[in-house]
C-alpha atoms as a PDB file:
ATOM      1  CA  MET A   1     -10.013  -4.430   3.078  1.00  0.00           C
ATOM      2  CA  THR A   2     -11.638  -7.852   3.271  1.00  0.00           C
ATOM      3  CA  ILE A   3     -13.959  -9.338   0.691  1.00  0.00           C
ATOM      4  CA  THR A   4     -15.822 -12.454   1.676  1.00  0.00           C
ATOM      5  CA  GLY A   5     -17.857 -14.387  -0.857  1.00  0.00           C
ATOM      6  CA  PHE A   6     -20.035 -17.414  -0.719  1.00  0.00           C
ATOM      7  CA  THR A   7     -20.775 -19.852  -3.526  1.00  0.00           C
ATOM      8  CA  HIS A   8     -24.009 -21.716  -2.954  1.00  0.00           C
ATOM      9  CA  GLY A   9     -24.525 -25.018  -4.719  1.00  0.00           C
ATOM     10  CA  THR A  10     -27.816 -25.939  -6.343  1.00  0.00           C
ATOM     11  CA  SER A  11     -27.764 -29.519  -5.128  1.00  0.00           C
ATOM     12  CA  GLU A  12     -26.870 -31.192  -1.864  1.00  0.00           C
ATOM     13  CA  ASP A  13     -23.690 -32.778  -3.253  1.00  0.00           C
ATOM     14  CA  VAL A  14     -22.068 -29.396  -3.963  1.00  0.00           C
ATOM     15  CA  PRO A  15     -20.390 -28.091  -0.805  1.00  0.00           C
ATOM     16  CA  LEU A  16     -20.533 -24.520   0.330  1.00  0.00           C
ATOM     17  CA  GLN A  17     -17.335 -22.717  -0.687  1.00  0.00           C
ATOM     18  CA  ARG A  18     -15.948 -19.619   0.973  1.00  0.00           C
ATOM     19  CA  PHE A  19     -13.125 -17.336  -0.059  1.00  0.00           C
ATOM     20  CA  GLU A  20     -11.602 -14.257   1.480  1.00  0.00           C
ATOM     21  CA  VAL A  21      -9.382 -11.659  -0.152  1.00  0.00           C
ATOM     22  CA  PHE A  22      -7.106  -9.622   2.080  1.00  0.00           C
ATOM     23  CA  THR A  23      -5.333  -6.594   0.690  1.00  0.00           C
ATOM     24  CA  GLY A  24      -2.652  -4.603   2.420  1.00  0.00           C
ATOM     25  CA  THR A  25      -0.660  -5.514   5.459  1.00  0.00           C
ATOM     26  CA  GLY A  26      -3.519  -5.164   7.894  1.00  0.00           C
ATOM     27  CA  ARG A  27      -1.340  -3.291  10.345  1.00  0.00           C
ATOM     28  CA  ARG A  28       0.537  -0.053  10.600  1.00  0.00           C
ATOM     29  CA  ARG A  29       4.209  -0.109   9.847  1.00  0.00           C
ATOM     30  CA  ASP A  30       6.653   2.018  11.757  1.00  0.00           C
ATOM     31  CA  TRP A  31       8.981   3.522   9.164  1.00  0.00           C
ATOM     32  CA  SER A  32      12.234   5.054  10.360  1.00  0.00           C
ATOM     33  CA  ASP A  33      13.098   8.530   9.119  1.00  0.00           C
ATOM     34  CA  GLU A  34      15.987   7.018   7.140  1.00  0.00           C
ATOM     35  CA  GLU A  35      13.661   4.570   5.371  1.00  0.00           C
ATOM     36  CA  LYS A  36      11.184   7.331   4.548  1.00  0.00           C
ATOM     37  CA  ASP A  37      13.970   9.563   3.213  1.00  0.00           C
ATOM     38  CA  ARG A  38      15.327   6.753   1.037  1.00  0.00           C
ATOM     39  CA  ILE A  39      11.881   5.907  -0.382  1.00  0.00           C
ATOM     40  CA  VAL A  40      11.042   9.568  -1.011  1.00  0.00           C
ATOM     41  CA  ALA A  41      14.396  10.065  -2.758  1.00  0.00           C
ATOM     42  CA  GLU A  42      13.719   7.008  -4.915  1.00  0.00           C
ATOM     43  CA  SER A  43      10.331   8.461  -5.863  1.00  0.00           C
ATOM     44  CA  TYR A  44      12.063  11.620  -7.131  1.00  0.00           C
ATOM     45  CA  SER A  45      14.609   9.685  -9.223  1.00  0.00           C
ATOM     46  CA  GLY A  46      12.390   9.801 -12.295  1.00  0.00           C
ATOM     47  CA  GLU A  47      13.256   6.229 -13.240  1.00  0.00           C
ATOM     48  CA  ILE A  48       9.848   4.821 -12.245  1.00  0.00           C
ATOM     49  CA  SER A  49       6.526   6.345 -11.261  1.00  0.00           C
ATOM     50  CA  VAL A  50       5.687   7.346  -7.713  1.00  0.00           C
ATOM     51  CA  SER A  51       2.958   4.688  -7.649  1.00  0.00           C
ATOM     52  CA  ALA A  52       5.431   2.007  -8.720  1.00  0.00           C
ATOM     53  CA  VAL A  53       7.843   3.047  -5.956  1.00  0.00           C
ATOM     54  CA  ALA A  54       4.998   2.896  -3.435  1.00  0.00           C
ATOM     55  CA  ARG A  55       3.937  -0.593  -4.588  1.00  0.00           C
ATOM     56  CA  ARG A  56       7.536  -1.810  -4.457  1.00  0.00           C
ATOM     57  CA  HIS A  57       7.728  -0.851  -0.790  1.00  0.00           C
ATOM     58  CA  GLY A  58       4.213  -1.964   0.184  1.00  0.00           C
ATOM     59  CA  LEU A  59       2.876   1.565   0.574  1.00  0.00           C
ATOM     60  CA  SER A  60      -0.216   3.172  -0.807  1.00  0.00           C
ATOM     61  CA  PRO A  61       0.586   5.909  -3.321  1.00  0.00           C
ATOM     62  CA  GLU A  62      -1.318   8.350  -1.100  1.00  0.00           C
ATOM     63  CA  GLN A  63       1.062   7.656   1.793  1.00  0.00           C
ATOM     64  CA  LEU A  64       4.106   8.273  -0.372  1.00  0.00           C
ATOM     65  CA  PHE A  65       2.617  11.492  -1.761  1.00  0.00           C
ATOM     66  CA  THR A  66       2.039  12.605   1.861  1.00  0.00           C
ATOM     67  CA  TRP A  67       5.678  11.903   2.724  1.00  0.00           C
ATOM     68  CA  ARG A  68       6.798  13.854  -0.352  1.00  0.00           C
ATOM     69  CA  ARG A  69       4.598  16.799   0.658  1.00  0.00           C
ATOM     70  CA  GLN A  70       6.057  16.712   4.192  1.00  0.00           C
ATOM     71  CA  VAL A  71       9.613  16.761   2.816  1.00  0.00           C
ATOM     72  CA  ARG A  72       8.805  19.757   0.598  1.00  0.00           C
ATOM     73  CA  SER A  73       7.221  21.563   3.559  1.00  0.00           C
ATOM     74  CA  GLN A  74      10.277  20.904   5.757  1.00  0.00           C
ATOM     75  CA  ALA A  75      12.594  22.123   2.987  1.00  0.00           C
ATOM     76  CA  LYS A  76      10.674  25.418   2.763  1.00  0.00           C
ATOM     77  CA  GLN A  77      10.888  25.929   6.525  1.00  0.00           C
ATOM     78  CA  GLY A  78      14.575  25.056   6.839  1.00  0.00           C
END
């Protein structure tokens, strides 16, 4: 997500100011199965919340919840 803002001055001596806020990595990461397994296991440890684990690893909580759901589905099948 990008937020761009402009601050307009009321007199000629105040310059135009611009700022941009970038959130997230801006690209997809390629997580190995081992990394996913380790992060999912950490999220089940009960020591910190799932959202905190996700933030610690630069993930969205939704992505981590998806990984957890996939692990549960695989466990039921296997």
